[in-house]
C-alpha atoms as a PDB file:
ATOM      1  CA  MET A   1       0.432 -17.495  44.293  1.00  0.00           C
ATOM      2  CA  LYS A   2       0.759 -16.241  47.895  1.00  0.00           C
ATOM      3  CA  LYS A   3       2.786 -13.260  46.676  1.00  0.00           C
ATOM      4  CA  ASN A   4       0.102 -12.422  44.101  1.00  0.00           C
ATOM      5  CA  LEU A   5      -2.637 -12.614  46.725  1.00  0.00           C
ATOM      6  CA  ARG A   6      -0.626 -10.413  49.085  1.00  0.00           C
ATOM      7  CA  ASN A   7      -0.230  -7.794  46.359  1.00  0.00           C
ATOM      8  CA  ILE A   8      -3.946  -7.986  45.529  1.00  0.00           C
ATOM      9  CA  LEU A   9      -4.958  -7.522  49.166  1.00  0.00           C
ATOM     10  CA  ALA A  10      -2.578  -4.590  49.604  1.00  0.00           C
ATOM     11  CA  LEU A  11      -3.885  -2.953  46.444  1.00  0.00           C
ATOM     12  CA  ALA A  12      -7.515  -3.576  47.447  1.00  0.00           C
ATOM     13  CA  LEU A  13      -6.934  -2.099  50.917  1.00  0.00           C
ATOM     14  CA  GLY A  14      -5.345   0.992  49.432  1.00  0.00           C
ATOM     15  CA  LEU A  15      -8.206   1.460  46.980  1.00  0.00           C
ATOM     16  CA  MET A  16     -10.837   0.946  49.686  1.00  0.00           C
ATOM     17  CA  THR A  17      -9.153   3.580  51.836  1.00  0.00           C
ATOM     18  CA  THR A  18      -8.978   5.926  48.839  1.00  0.00           C
ATOM     19  CA  VAL A  19     -12.634   5.327  47.931  1.00  0.00           C
ATOM     20  CA  SER A  20     -13.776   6.260  51.436  1.00  0.00           C
ATOM     21  CA  PHE A  21     -12.371   9.769  50.927  1.00  0.00           C
ATOM     22  CA  ALA A  22     -13.113  10.142  47.213  1.00  0.00           C
ATOM     23  CA  GLN A  23     -15.751  12.412  45.739  1.00  0.00           C
ATOM     24  CA  ASP A  24     -16.660   9.835  43.093  1.00  0.00           C
ATOM     25  CA  TRP A  25     -16.055   6.115  42.675  1.00  0.00           C
ATOM     26  CA  ASN A  26     -17.006   3.286  40.343  1.00  0.00           C
ATOM     27  CA  VAL A  27     -16.676  -0.481  40.078  1.00  0.00           C
ATOM     28  CA  ASP A  28     -16.847  -2.528  36.894  1.00  0.00           C
ATOM     29  CA  SER A  29     -16.694  -6.316  36.689  1.00  0.00           C
ATOM     30  CA  ARG A  30     -16.435  -8.424  33.539  1.00  0.00           C
ATOM     31  CA  THR A  31     -16.569 -12.217  33.610  1.00  0.00           C
ATOM     32  CA  ARG A  32     -15.934 -13.856  30.232  1.00  0.00           C
ATOM     33  CA  ILE A  33     -16.154 -17.547  29.346  1.00  0.00           C
ATOM     34  CA  ASP A  34     -14.251 -18.488  26.174  1.00  0.00           C
ATOM     35  CA  MET A  35     -16.066 -21.454  24.571  1.00  0.00           C
ATOM     36  CA  SER A  36     -14.268 -21.341  21.217  1.00  0.00           C
ATOM     37  CA  GLY A  37     -13.683 -24.353  19.007  1.00  0.00           C
ATOM     38  CA  ASP A  38     -16.371 -26.974  19.514  1.00  0.00           C
ATOM     39  CA  ASN A  39     -17.636 -25.254  22.669  1.00  0.00           C
ATOM     40  CA  ASP A  40     -15.159 -27.309  24.686  1.00  0.00           C
ATOM     41  CA  LYS A  41     -12.515 -24.712  25.523  1.00  0.00           C
ATOM     42  CA  MET A  42     -14.343 -23.306  28.572  1.00  0.00           C
ATOM     43  CA  GLU A  43     -11.709 -20.832  29.805  1.00  0.00           C
ATOM     44  CA  THR A  44     -13.048 -18.221  32.227  1.00  0.00           C
ATOM     45  CA  SER A  45     -11.377 -14.890  32.925  1.00  0.00           C
ATOM     46  CA  GLN A  46     -12.407 -12.180  35.381  1.00  0.00           C
ATOM     47  CA  ARG A  47     -11.542  -8.482  35.177  1.00  0.00           C
ATOM     48  CA  VAL A  48     -12.520  -6.131  37.989  1.00  0.00           C
ATOM     49  CA  THR A  49     -11.858  -2.394  37.781  1.00  0.00           C
ATOM     50  CA  VAL A  50     -12.129  -0.102  40.799  1.00  0.00           C
ATOM     51  CA  GLY A  51     -11.892   3.631  40.114  1.00  0.00           C
ATOM     52  CA  THR A  52     -11.897   6.765  42.232  1.00  0.00           C
ATOM     53  CA  ALA A  53     -11.762  10.496  41.529  1.00  0.00           C
ATOM     54  CA  TRP A  54     -11.475  13.543  43.760  1.00  0.00           C
ATOM     55  CA  GLY A  55     -10.473  17.148  43.423  1.00  0.00           C
ATOM     56  CA  GLY A  56     -11.472  20.802  43.468  1.00  0.00           C
ATOM     57  CA  SER A  57     -12.762  23.402  41.033  1.00  0.00           C
ATOM     58  CA  ASP A  58      -9.551  23.518  38.967  1.00  0.00           C
ATOM     59  CA  TRP A  59      -7.716  20.306  39.886  1.00  0.00           C
ATOM     60  CA  GLY A  60      -8.359  16.604  40.252  1.00  0.00           C
ATOM     61  CA  VAL A  61      -6.855  13.145  40.613  1.00  0.00           C
ATOM     62  CA  VAL A  62      -8.148   9.992  38.904  1.00  0.00           C
ATOM     63  CA  LEU A  63      -7.075   6.505  39.939  1.00  0.00           C
ATOM     64  CA  SER A  64      -8.315   3.087  38.819  1.00  0.00           C
ATOM     65  CA  SER A  65      -6.882  -0.408  38.958  1.00  0.00           C
ATOM     66  CA  ASP A  66      -7.532  -3.622  37.016  1.00  0.00           C
ATOM     67  CA  VAL A  67      -7.418  -7.026  38.675  1.00  0.00           C
ATOM     68  CA  ASN A  68      -7.417  -9.946  36.206  1.00  0.00           C
ATOM     69  CA  TYR A  69      -7.965 -13.507  37.354  1.00  0.00           C
ATOM     70  CA  GLU A  70      -7.926 -16.697  35.291  1.00  0.00           C
ATOM     71  CA  LEU A  71     -10.324 -19.332  36.658  1.00  0.00           C
ATOM     72  CA  ASN A  72      -8.236 -22.415  35.902  1.00  0.00           C
ATOM     73  CA  HIS A  73      -5.889 -24.804  37.651  1.00  0.00           C
ATOM     74  CA  THR A  74      -3.091 -22.200  37.800  1.00  0.00           C
ATOM     75  CA  GLY A  75      -5.332 -19.452  39.188  1.00  0.00           C
ATOM     76  CA  GLU A  76      -3.096 -16.757  37.702  1.00  0.00           C
ATOM     77  CA  VAL A  77      -3.744 -13.311  39.204  1.00  0.00           C
ATOM     78  CA  ASN A  78      -2.570 -10.062  37.602  1.00  0.00           C
ATOM     79  CA  ALA A  79      -3.103  -6.631  39.145  1.00  0.00           C
ATOM     80  CA  GLU A  80      -2.018  -3.358  37.582  1.00  0.00           C
ATOM     81  CA  VAL A  81      -2.880   0.313  37.493  1.00  0.00           C
ATOM     82  CA  TYR A  82      -5.335   1.068  34.701  1.00  0.00           C
ATOM     83  CA  GLU A  83      -5.511   4.871  34.967  1.00  0.00           C
ATOM     84  CA  ALA A  84      -3.608   7.169  37.308  1.00  0.00           C
ATOM     85  CA  TYR A  85      -3.346  10.816  36.375  1.00  0.00           C
ATOM     86  CA  ALA A  86      -3.600  14.319  37.757  1.00  0.00           C
ATOM     87  CA  THR A  87      -5.564  17.042  36.008  1.00  0.00           C
ATOM     88  CA  THR A  88      -5.373  20.797  36.441  1.00  0.00           C
ATOM     89  CA  ASN A  89      -6.333  24.046  34.790  1.00  0.00           C
ATOM     90  CA  LEU A  90      -3.299  25.615  33.144  1.00  0.00           C
ATOM     91  CA  PHE A  91      -3.537  29.409  33.442  1.00  0.00           C
ATOM     92  CA  GLY A  92      -7.085  29.317  32.104  1.00  0.00           C
ATOM     93  CA  PHE A  93      -5.620  28.376  28.719  1.00  0.00           C
ATOM     94  CA  ALA A  94      -5.788  24.582  28.761  1.00  0.00           C
ATOM     95  CA  THR A  95      -6.558  21.536  30.858  1.00  0.00           C
ATOM     96  CA  MET A  96      -3.451  19.452  31.499  1.00  0.00           C
ATOM     97  CA  ASN A  97      -3.532  15.736  32.350  1.00  0.00           C
ATOM     98  CA  VAL A  98      -0.339  13.994  33.454  1.00  0.00           C
ATOM     99  CA  GLY A  99      -0.011  10.256  34.053  1.00  0.00           C
ATOM    100  CA  ARG A 100      -1.492   7.027  32.731  1.00  0.00           C
ATOM    101  CA  GLN A 101      -4.620   7.699  30.670  1.00  0.00           C
ATOM    102  CA  ALA A 102      -7.110   5.696  28.607  1.00  0.00           C
ATOM    103  CA  LEU A 103      -7.642   7.752  25.436  1.00  0.00           C
ATOM    104  CA  SER A 104      -9.907   7.459  22.415  1.00  0.00           C
ATOM    105  CA  TYR A 105     -10.020   9.741  19.372  1.00  0.00           C
ATOM    106  CA  GLY A 106     -12.427   9.631  16.463  1.00  0.00           C
ATOM    107  CA  SER A 107     -13.202   6.139  15.217  1.00  0.00           C
ATOM    108  CA  GLY A 108     -10.366   4.704  17.323  1.00  0.00           C
ATOM    109  CA  VAL A 109      -8.349   3.303  14.401  1.00  0.00           C
ATOM    110  CA  PHE A 110      -5.148   4.836  15.804  1.00  0.00           C
ATOM    111  CA  VAL A 111      -6.095   5.598  19.412  1.00  0.00           C
ATOM    112  CA  GLY A 112      -8.804   3.587  21.174  1.00  0.00           C
ATOM    113  CA  VAL A 113      -9.297   1.845  24.518  1.00  0.00           C
ATOM    114  CA  ASN A 114      -9.982  -1.708  23.205  1.00  0.00           C
ATOM    115  CA  ASP A 115     -12.322  -2.695  26.025  1.00  0.00           C
ATOM    116  CA  TRP A 116     -12.451  -6.272  24.680  1.00  0.00           C
ATOM    117  CA  SER A 117      -8.939  -6.989  25.932  1.00  0.00           C
ATOM    118  CA  ALA A 118      -8.075  -7.853  29.522  1.00  0.00           C
ATOM    119  CA  ASN A 119      -5.190  -5.357  29.310  1.00  0.00           C
ATOM    120  CA  ARG A 120      -6.705  -2.295  27.693  1.00  0.00           C
ATOM    121  CA  ASN A 121      -4.775   0.403  25.837  1.00  0.00           C
ATOM    122  CA  THR A 122      -3.366   3.223  27.960  1.00  0.00           C
ATOM    123  CA  VAL A 123      -0.789   5.964  27.440  1.00  0.00           C
ATOM    124  CA  ASP A 124       1.783   7.167  29.974  1.00  0.00           C
ATOM    125  CA  GLY A 125       2.222  10.806  29.092  1.00  0.00           C
ATOM    126  CA  MET A 126       0.818  14.313  29.046  1.00  0.00           C
ATOM    127  CA  THR A 127      -2.223  15.742  27.276  1.00  0.00           C
ATOM    128  CA  PHE A 128      -3.262  19.363  26.891  1.00  0.00           C
ATOM    129  CA  ALA A 129      -6.879  20.147  26.000  1.00  0.00           C
ATOM    130  CA  ILE A 130      -6.796  23.678  24.589  1.00  0.00           C
ATOM    131  CA  ASP A 131      -9.757  25.870  25.527  1.00  0.00           C
ATOM    132  CA  ASN A 132     -11.149  26.982  22.191  1.00  0.00           C
ATOM    133  CA  ASP A 133     -14.717  27.843  21.190  1.00  0.00           C
ATOM    134  CA  PHE A 134     -14.012  27.056  17.539  1.00  0.00           C
ATOM    135  CA  VAL A 135     -12.628  23.500  17.733  1.00  0.00           C
ATOM    136  CA  ASP A 136     -11.859  20.892  20.413  1.00  0.00           C
ATOM    137  CA  LEU A 137      -8.074  20.634  20.326  1.00  0.00           C
ATOM    138  CA  THR A 138      -5.830  18.185  22.209  1.00  0.00           C
ATOM    139  CA  VAL A 139      -2.037  17.984  22.136  1.00  0.00           C
ATOM    140  CA  GLY A 140      -0.264  14.999  23.667  1.00  0.00           C
ATOM    141  CA  MET A 141       3.103  13.377  24.138  1.00  0.00           C
ATOM    142  CA  ALA A 142       4.163  10.031  25.574  1.00  0.00           C
ATOM    143  CA  ASN A 143       7.237   7.875  25.985  1.00  0.00           C
ATOM    144  CA  ASP A 144       7.345   4.139  26.718  1.00  0.00           C
ATOM    145  CA  ASN A 145      10.797   2.725  27.463  1.00  0.00           C
ATOM    146  CA  ASP A 146      11.423  -0.674  29.041  1.00  0.00           C
ATOM    147  CA  GLY A 147      15.151   0.033  29.498  1.00  0.00           C
ATOM    148  CA  GLU A 148      16.092  -2.902  27.267  1.00  0.00           C
ATOM    149  CA  GLY A 149      16.207  -1.196  23.887  1.00  0.00           C
ATOM    150  CA  HIS A 150      12.471  -1.075  23.247  1.00  0.00           C
ATOM    151  CA  ALA A 151      10.875   2.379  23.251  1.00  0.00           C
ATOM    152  CA  HIS A 152       7.983   4.348  21.793  1.00  0.00           C
ATOM    153  CA  ASP A 153       8.056   8.133  21.481  1.00  0.00           C
ATOM    154  CA  ARG A 154       4.709   9.593  20.461  1.00  0.00           C
ATOM    155  CA  MET A 155       3.485  13.122  19.828  1.00  0.00           C
ATOM    156  CA  TRP A 156      -0.011  13.808  18.549  1.00  0.00           C
ATOM    157  CA  LEU A 157      -2.535  16.490  17.751  1.00  0.00           C
ATOM    158  CA  ASN A 158      -6.265  15.786  17.686  1.00  0.00           C
ATOM    159  CA  ALA A 159      -8.913  18.249  16.518  1.00  0.00           C
ATOM    160  CA  SER A 160     -12.661  17.618  16.500  1.00  0.00           C
ATOM    161  CA  LYS A 161     -15.600  19.753  15.468  1.00  0.00           C
ATOM    162  CA  SER A 162     -19.344  19.199  15.234  1.00  0.00           C
ATOM    163  CA  SER A 163     -22.137  21.437  14.036  1.00  0.00           C
ATOM    164  CA  GLY A 164     -25.717  20.576  13.234  1.00  0.00           C
ATOM    165  CA  ASP A 165     -25.853  17.359  11.209  1.00  0.00           C
ATOM    166  CA  TRP A 166     -22.108  16.785  10.780  1.00  0.00           C
ATOM    167  CA  SER A 167     -19.003  16.072  12.826  1.00  0.00           C
ATOM    168  CA  ALA A 168     -15.317  15.651  11.983  1.00  0.00           C
ATOM    169  CA  ASN A 169     -12.203  14.432  13.746  1.00  0.00           C
ATOM    170  CA  LEU A 170      -8.575  14.813  12.622  1.00  0.00           C
ATOM    171  CA  LEU A 171      -5.653  13.038  14.290  1.00  0.00           C
ATOM    172  CA  TYR A 172      -2.010  13.636  13.382  1.00  0.00           C
ATOM    173  CA  SER A 173       0.802  11.793  15.134  1.00  0.00           C
ATOM    174  CA  ASP A 174       4.568  11.510  14.899  1.00  0.00           C
ATOM    175  CA  VAL A 175       6.029   8.227  16.194  1.00  0.00           C
ATOM    176  CA  THR A 176       9.547   6.943  16.821  1.00  0.00           C
ATOM    177  CA  ASN A 177       9.829   3.236  17.539  1.00  0.00           C
ATOM    178  CA  MET A 178      13.097   1.774  18.877  1.00  0.00           C
ATOM    179  CA  SER A 179      13.527  -1.992  18.822  1.00  0.00           C
ATOM    180  CA  GLY A 180      16.699  -4.068  18.728  1.00  0.00           C
ATOM    181  CA  GLY A 181      18.820  -0.988  18.194  1.00  0.00           C
ATOM    182  CA  VAL A 182      16.868  -0.050  15.072  1.00  0.00           C
ATOM    183  CA  SER A 183      14.915   3.215  15.034  1.00  0.00           C
ATOM    184  CA  THR A 184      11.762   3.526  12.920  1.00  0.00           C
ATOM    185  CA  GLU A 185      10.084   6.882  12.386  1.00  0.00           C
ATOM    186  CA  ALA A 186       6.549   7.254  11.113  1.00  0.00           C
ATOM    187  CA  THR A 187       3.776   9.778  10.743  1.00  0.00           C
ATOM    188  CA  ALA A 188       0.111   8.857  11.081  1.00  0.00           C
ATOM    189  CA  MET A 189      -2.987  10.737   9.995  1.00  0.00           C
ATOM    190  CA  GLY A 190      -6.619   9.786  10.530  1.00  0.00           C
ATOM    191  CA  LEU A 191      -9.649  11.728   9.293  1.00  0.00           C
ATOM    192  CA  ASP A 192     -13.179  10.769  10.363  1.00  0.00           C
ATOM    193  CA  PHE A 193     -16.306  12.433   9.044  1.00  0.00           C
ATOM    194  CA  ALA A 194     -19.933  11.736   9.953  1.00  0.00           C
ATOM    195  CA  TYR A 195     -23.145  13.153   8.511  1.00  0.00           C
ATOM    196  CA  SER A 196     -26.724  12.656   9.646  1.00  0.00           C
ATOM    197  CA  ALA A 197     -29.422  12.836   6.956  1.00  0.00           C
ATOM    198  CA  MET A 198     -33.134  12.211   6.612  1.00  0.00           C
ATOM    199  CA  GLY A 199     -33.888  13.703   9.982  1.00  0.00           C
ATOM    200  CA  GLY A 200     -31.374  11.427  11.689  1.00  0.00           C
ATOM    201  CA  ALA A 201     -32.669   8.216  10.102  1.00  0.00           C
ATOM    202  CA  LEU A 202     -29.535   7.805   7.936  1.00  0.00           C
ATOM    203  CA  ASN A 203     -26.013   8.193   9.311  1.00  0.00           C
ATOM    204  CA  LEU A 204     -23.029   8.239   6.935  1.00  0.00           C
ATOM    205  CA  ASP A 205     -19.466   7.649   8.194  1.00  0.00           C
ATOM    206  CA  VAL A 206     -16.114   7.947   6.438  1.00  0.00           C
ATOM    207  CA  SER A 207     -12.761   7.069   8.008  1.00  0.00           C
ATOM    208  CA  TYR A 208      -9.537   7.596   6.034  1.00  0.00           C
ATOM    209  CA  ASN A 209      -6.209   6.706   7.652  1.00  0.00           C
ATOM    210  CA  THR A 210      -2.612   6.805   6.431  1.00  0.00           C
ATOM    211  CA  LEU A 211       0.720   5.734   7.898  1.00  0.00           C
ATOM    212  CA  THR A 212       4.039   6.780   6.331  1.00  0.00           C
ATOM    213  CA  MET A 213       7.348   5.096   7.227  1.00  0.00           C
ATOM    214  CA  GLY A 214      10.218   6.339   5.092  1.00  0.00           C
ATOM    215  CA  ASP A 215       9.263   5.699   1.470  1.00  0.00           C
ATOM    216  CA  MET A 216       6.456   3.312   2.381  1.00  0.00           C
ATOM    217  CA  GLU A 217       2.921   4.643   2.531  1.00  0.00           C
ATOM    218  CA  MET A 218       0.063   2.590   3.930  1.00  0.00           C
ATOM    219  CA  ASP A 219      -3.591   3.538   3.890  1.00  0.00           C
ATOM    220  CA  MET A 220      -7.076   2.261   4.619  1.00  0.00           C
ATOM    221  CA  MET A 221     -10.560   3.698   4.152  1.00  0.00           C
ATOM    222  CA  ASP A 222     -13.829   2.629   5.741  1.00  0.00           C
ATOM    223  CA  ILE A 223     -17.116   3.983   4.376  1.00  0.00           C
ATOM    224  CA  SER A 224     -20.410   2.947   5.936  1.00  0.00           C
ATOM    225  CA  GLY A 225     -24.042   3.938   6.276  1.00  0.00           C
ATOM    226  CA  THR A 226     -26.532   3.092   9.006  1.00  0.00           C
ATOM    227  CA  TYR A 227     -30.261   3.328   8.403  1.00  0.00           C
ATOM    228  CA  THR A 228     -32.646   3.408  11.356  1.00  0.00           C
ATOM    229  CA  VAL A 229     -35.726   1.477  10.269  1.00  0.00           C
ATOM    230  CA  ASN A 230     -37.575   2.255  13.510  1.00  0.00           C
ATOM    231  CA  ASP A 231     -36.835   2.787  17.182  1.00  0.00           C
ATOM    232  CA  ASP A 232     -35.886  -0.867  17.579  1.00  0.00           C
ATOM    233  CA  MET A 233     -34.162  -1.796  14.328  1.00  0.00           C
ATOM    234  CA  SER A 234     -31.201  -0.506  12.290  1.00  0.00           C
ATOM    235  CA  ILE A 235     -29.233  -1.757   9.273  1.00  0.00           C
ATOM    236  CA  THR A 236     -25.562  -1.022   8.488  1.00  0.00           C
ATOM    237  CA  ALA A 237     -23.630  -1.577   5.255  1.00  0.00           C
ATOM    238  CA  GLY A 238     -20.067  -0.584   4.458  1.00  0.00           C
ATOM    239  CA  ARG A 239     -16.807  -1.140   2.640  1.00  0.00           C
ATOM    240  CA  ALA A 240     -13.293  -1.156   4.114  1.00  0.00           C
ATOM    241  CA  SER A 241     -10.429  -1.051   1.586  1.00  0.00           C
ATOM    242  CA  TYR A 242      -6.653  -1.283   2.036  1.00  0.00           C
ATOM    243  CA  GLY A 243      -3.863   0.061  -0.175  1.00  0.00           C
ATOM    244  CA  GLU A 244      -1.084  -1.774  -1.988  1.00  0.00           C
ATOM    245  CA  ASN A 245       1.087  -1.851   1.149  1.00  0.00           C
ATOM    246  CA  GLY A 246      -1.678  -2.815   3.547  1.00  0.00           C
ATOM    247  CA  PHE A 247      -2.059  -0.984   6.841  1.00  0.00           C
ATOM    248  CA  ASN A 248      -0.822  -1.491  10.409  1.00  0.00           C
ATOM    249  CA  ASP A 249      -1.125   0.576  13.558  1.00  0.00           C
ATOM    250  CA  LEU A 250       2.454   1.424  14.562  1.00  0.00           C
ATOM    251  CA  LEU A 251       1.199   3.387  17.583  1.00  0.00           C
ATOM    252  CA  GLY A 252      -0.149   0.139  19.037  1.00  0.00           C
ATOM    253  CA  LEU A 253      -3.209   1.886  20.473  1.00  0.00           C
ATOM    254  CA  GLY A 254      -5.871   1.137  17.856  1.00  0.00           C
ATOM    255  CA  ASN A 255      -9.160  -0.722  18.233  1.00  0.00           C
ATOM    256  CA  ARG A 256      -8.307  -3.345  15.594  1.00  0.00           C
ATOM    257  CA  GLY A 257      -5.693  -6.102  15.573  1.00  0.00           C
ATOM    258  CA  TRP A 258      -2.751  -6.028  13.189  1.00  0.00           C
ATOM    259  CA  TYR A 259      -2.839  -7.971   9.934  1.00  0.00           C
ATOM    260  CA  GLY A 260      -1.650 -11.533  10.473  1.00  0.00           C
ATOM    261  CA  THR A 261      -2.725 -11.641  14.125  1.00  0.00           C
ATOM    262  CA  ASN A 262      -5.909 -13.069  15.622  1.00  0.00           C
ATOM    263  CA  SER A 263      -7.950  -9.911  16.116  1.00  0.00           C
ATOM    264  CA  TRP A 264     -11.017 -11.913  17.185  1.00  0.00           C
ATOM    265  CA  MET A 265      -9.151 -12.906  20.332  1.00  0.00           C
ATOM    266  CA  SER A 266      -7.281  -9.640  20.981  1.00  0.00           C
ATOM    267  CA  HIS A 267      -9.905  -7.067  19.903  1.00  0.00           C
ATOM    268  CA  GLY A 268     -13.161  -8.933  19.291  1.00  0.00           C
ATOM    269  CA  ASN A 269     -13.360  -7.899  15.622  1.00  0.00           C
ATOM    270  CA  LEU A 270     -12.161  -8.857  12.134  1.00  0.00           C
ATOM    271  CA  GLY A 271      -9.059  -6.668  12.447  1.00  0.00           C
ATOM    272  CA  HIS A 272      -6.977  -4.947   9.785  1.00  0.00           C
ATOM    273  CA  LEU A 273      -6.696  -6.612   6.389  1.00  0.00           C
ATOM    274  CA  GLY A 274      -3.742  -7.204   4.071  1.00  0.00           C
ATOM    275  CA  ALA A 275      -2.525  -5.383   0.974  1.00  0.00           C
ATOM    276  CA  ASN A 276      -5.196  -4.694  -1.687  1.00  0.00           C
ATOM    277  CA  GLU A 277      -7.920  -6.395   0.355  1.00  0.00           C
ATOM    278  CA  GLU A 278     -11.485  -5.120   0.607  1.00  0.00           C
ATOM    279  CA  ASN A 279     -14.196  -6.014   3.089  1.00  0.00           C
ATOM    280  CA  MET A 280     -17.828  -5.601   2.088  1.00  0.00           C
ATOM    281  CA  TYR A 281     -19.955  -5.945   5.196  1.00  0.00           C
ATOM    282  CA  ILE A 282     -23.609  -5.718   6.086  1.00  0.00           C
ATOM    283  CA  GLY A 283     -25.295  -6.095   9.436  1.00  0.00           C
ATOM    284  CA  GLY A 284     -28.200  -5.122  11.578  1.00  0.00           C
ATOM    285  CA  SER A 285     -29.392  -4.819  15.147  1.00  0.00           C
ATOM    286  CA  TYR A 286     -32.768  -5.347  16.769  1.00  0.00           C
ATOM    287  CA  ASN A 287     -33.900  -4.291  20.229  1.00  0.00           C
ATOM    288  CA  MET A 288     -36.602  -6.328  21.939  1.00  0.00           C
ATOM    289  CA  GLY A 289     -36.694  -4.613  25.307  1.00  0.00           C
ATOM    290  CA  ALA A 290     -34.378  -6.511  27.612  1.00  0.00           C
ATOM    291  CA  PHE A 291     -33.089  -8.570  24.651  1.00  0.00           C
ATOM    292  CA  THR A 292     -30.850  -7.243  21.867  1.00  0.00           C
ATOM    293  CA  LEU A 293     -29.741  -9.049  18.729  1.00  0.00           C
ATOM    294  CA  GLY A 294     -27.000  -8.081  16.285  1.00  0.00           C
ATOM    295  CA  ALA A 295     -25.366  -9.755  13.284  1.00  0.00           C
ATOM    296  CA  THR A 296     -22.740  -8.788  10.688  1.00  0.00           C
ATOM    297  CA  VAL A 297     -21.537 -10.651   7.583  1.00  0.00           C
ATOM    298  CA  HIS A 298     -18.075  -9.904   6.135  1.00  0.00           C
ATOM    299  CA  ASN A 299     -16.942 -10.758   2.613  1.00  0.00           C
ATOM    300  CA  VAL A 300     -13.248 -10.065   1.977  1.00  0.00           C
ATOM    301  CA  THR A 301     -11.700 -10.069  -1.514  1.00  0.00           C
ATOM    302  CA  ASN A 302      -8.404  -8.972  -3.054  1.00  0.00           C
ATOM    303  CA  THR A 303      -8.254  -6.591  -6.017  1.00  0.00           C
ATOM    304  CA  GLU A 304      -4.977  -8.174  -7.216  1.00  0.00           C
ATOM    305  CA  ASP A 305      -5.967 -11.815  -6.653  1.00  0.00           C
ATOM    306  CA  ASP A 306      -9.347 -12.886  -8.023  1.00  0.00           C
ATOM    307  CA  SER A 307      -9.059 -16.305  -6.384  1.00  0.00           C
ATOM    308  CA  TYR A 308      -8.884 -14.962  -2.829  1.00  0.00           C
ATOM    309  CA  GLU A 309     -12.053 -14.793  -0.753  1.00  0.00           C
ATOM    310  CA  ARG A 310     -12.600 -14.728   2.984  1.00  0.00           C
ATOM    311  CA  ALA A 311     -15.958 -14.999   4.734  1.00  0.00           C
ATOM    312  CA  ALA A 312     -16.748 -14.236   8.375  1.00  0.00           C
ATOM    313  CA  THR A 313     -19.977 -13.924  10.348  1.00  0.00           C
ATOM    314  CA  GLU A 314     -20.496 -12.541  13.832  1.00  0.00           C
ATOM    315  CA  VAL A 315     -23.684 -12.765  15.904  1.00  0.00           C
ATOM    316  CA  THR A 316     -24.286 -11.135  19.288  1.00  0.00           C
ATOM    317  CA  VAL A 317     -27.200 -11.685  21.667  1.00  0.00           C
ATOM    318  CA  GLY A 318     -27.573  -9.532  24.766  1.00  0.00           C
ATOM    319  CA  TYR A 319     -29.851  -9.544  27.771  1.00  0.00           C
ATOM    320  CA  THR A 320     -30.237  -6.787  30.383  1.00  0.00           C
ATOM    321  CA  LEU A 321     -30.408  -8.366  33.827  1.00  0.00           C
ATOM    322  CA  GLY A 322     -31.069  -5.085  35.638  1.00  0.00           C
ATOM    323  CA  ASP A 323     -29.972  -1.486  35.947  1.00  0.00           C
ATOM    324  CA  ASN A 324     -26.351  -2.494  36.597  1.00  0.00           C
ATOM    325  CA  ALA A 325     -25.901  -5.899  34.967  1.00  0.00           C
ATOM    326  CA  SER A 326     -25.998  -7.381  31.463  1.00  0.00           C
ATOM    327  CA  LEU A 327     -25.273 -10.729  29.840  1.00  0.00           C
ATOM    328  CA  SER A 328     -24.087 -11.188  26.246  1.00  0.00           C
ATOM    329  CA  TYR A 329     -23.184 -14.058  23.935  1.00  0.00           C
ATOM    330  CA  LYS A 330     -20.958 -13.557  20.888  1.00  0.00           C
ATOM    331  CA  MET A 331     -20.480 -16.186  18.186  1.00  0.00           C
ATOM    332  CA  VAL A 332     -18.029 -15.850  15.266  1.00  0.00           C
ATOM    333  CA  THR A 333     -17.190 -18.078  12.304  1.00  0.00           C
ATOM    334  CA  ASP A 334     -14.233 -17.156  10.070  1.00  0.00           C
ATOM    335  CA  ASP A 335     -12.708 -19.260   7.300  1.00  0.00           C
ATOM    336  CA  ASN A 336      -9.575 -17.022   7.155  1.00  0.00           C
ATOM    337  CA  GLY A 337      -9.524 -17.377   3.378  1.00  0.00           C
ATOM    338  CA  GLY A 338      -9.422 -21.167   3.538  1.00  0.00           C
ATOM    339  CA  SER A 339     -11.858 -24.056   3.285  1.00  0.00           C
ATOM    340  CA  GLU A 340     -12.465 -24.636   6.999  1.00  0.00           C
ATOM    341  CA  ASP A 341     -14.189 -22.346   9.486  1.00  0.00           C
ATOM    342  CA  THR A 342     -12.693 -21.341  12.809  1.00  0.00           C
ATOM    343  CA  ASN A 343     -15.343 -20.950  15.493  1.00  0.00           C
ATOM    344  CA  TYR A 344     -15.285 -18.534  18.423  1.00  0.00           C
ATOM    345  CA  ASN A 345     -17.838 -18.284  21.236  1.00  0.00           C
ATOM    346  CA  TRP A 346     -17.878 -16.004  24.261  1.00  0.00           C
ATOM    347  CA  LEU A 347     -20.316 -15.533  27.118  1.00  0.00           C
ATOM    348  CA  THR A 348     -19.804 -12.277  29.036  1.00  0.00           C
ATOM    349  CA  LEU A 349     -21.374 -11.048  32.265  1.00  0.00           C
ATOM    350  CA  THR A 350     -20.851  -7.333  32.956  1.00  0.00           C
ATOM    351  CA  ILE A 351     -21.714  -5.615  36.230  1.00  0.00           C
ATOM    352  CA  GLY A 352     -21.102  -1.941  36.910  1.00  0.00           C
ATOM    353  CA  LEU A 353     -21.765   0.357  39.866  1.00  0.00           C
END
């Protein structure tokens, strides 16, 4: 414990010194109380992020650090670098970022931050944003190697374009995963398309994603529409369907948990489904000034098994405490395809400067 505190104090002192000379800085604090089960779990976790940025007209440095603290009898403290990268203009042709970066592309199925988690997704690598008036183009590469036979080699290309009422995003990635002396190669492709109709009152979204590993092809598609009833109320309905081999995120950077894992705990959502499963969902949100209310109902079935059915409901209530603080409560019930519901409850206080 003393060693952890010493590391925290050293890190905090370094960040405070850096902030005093930085051109920009930010602080974000998230306190979450897990009251799952019969509201008797009561586990509290704290995540504080301190970020700084400084630079010139064609260069910059970004640094931020996460400190996670579990408020329990062990008092476990974990501090790590969240983002740390240098950015520069490359011959007027591209912007190059080198270091640890939090990235998000399109709908985030393959690459997303996952802000729900204490340890959010980051990539240690290089990205090149190509200057192009026609399309926003990013090329990236990353390598994660723990020195014990586990490694990820990733290369990706992301292109996005928007014009008028529509926008599109295309991600292509080549991945090599080494684990236990076995090498697995895969290619991933994600296409997201959005269209705004009826003067912006109706928004249509389509996300189609594939992952190919050898002879196995996995795919999932999510189609949804959101109708804005008025300035305070909106309704969303959609359908997410999975192919005969299911779908998993081999990159490990997506905003949904893998099939068979507890995505409610790791990502705060239903997560990816299994082979031949479909999720029909409908939800809505209502804004009452400082109060916000949102609810979504999920009904999961299987096209190859008429007896399978899974039901889940999530409700979120939020309250704005001020310009820099908000409080939210999230409640989830999920029967996981069985006869008994599993209950999750979280209370989250967020403060940002």
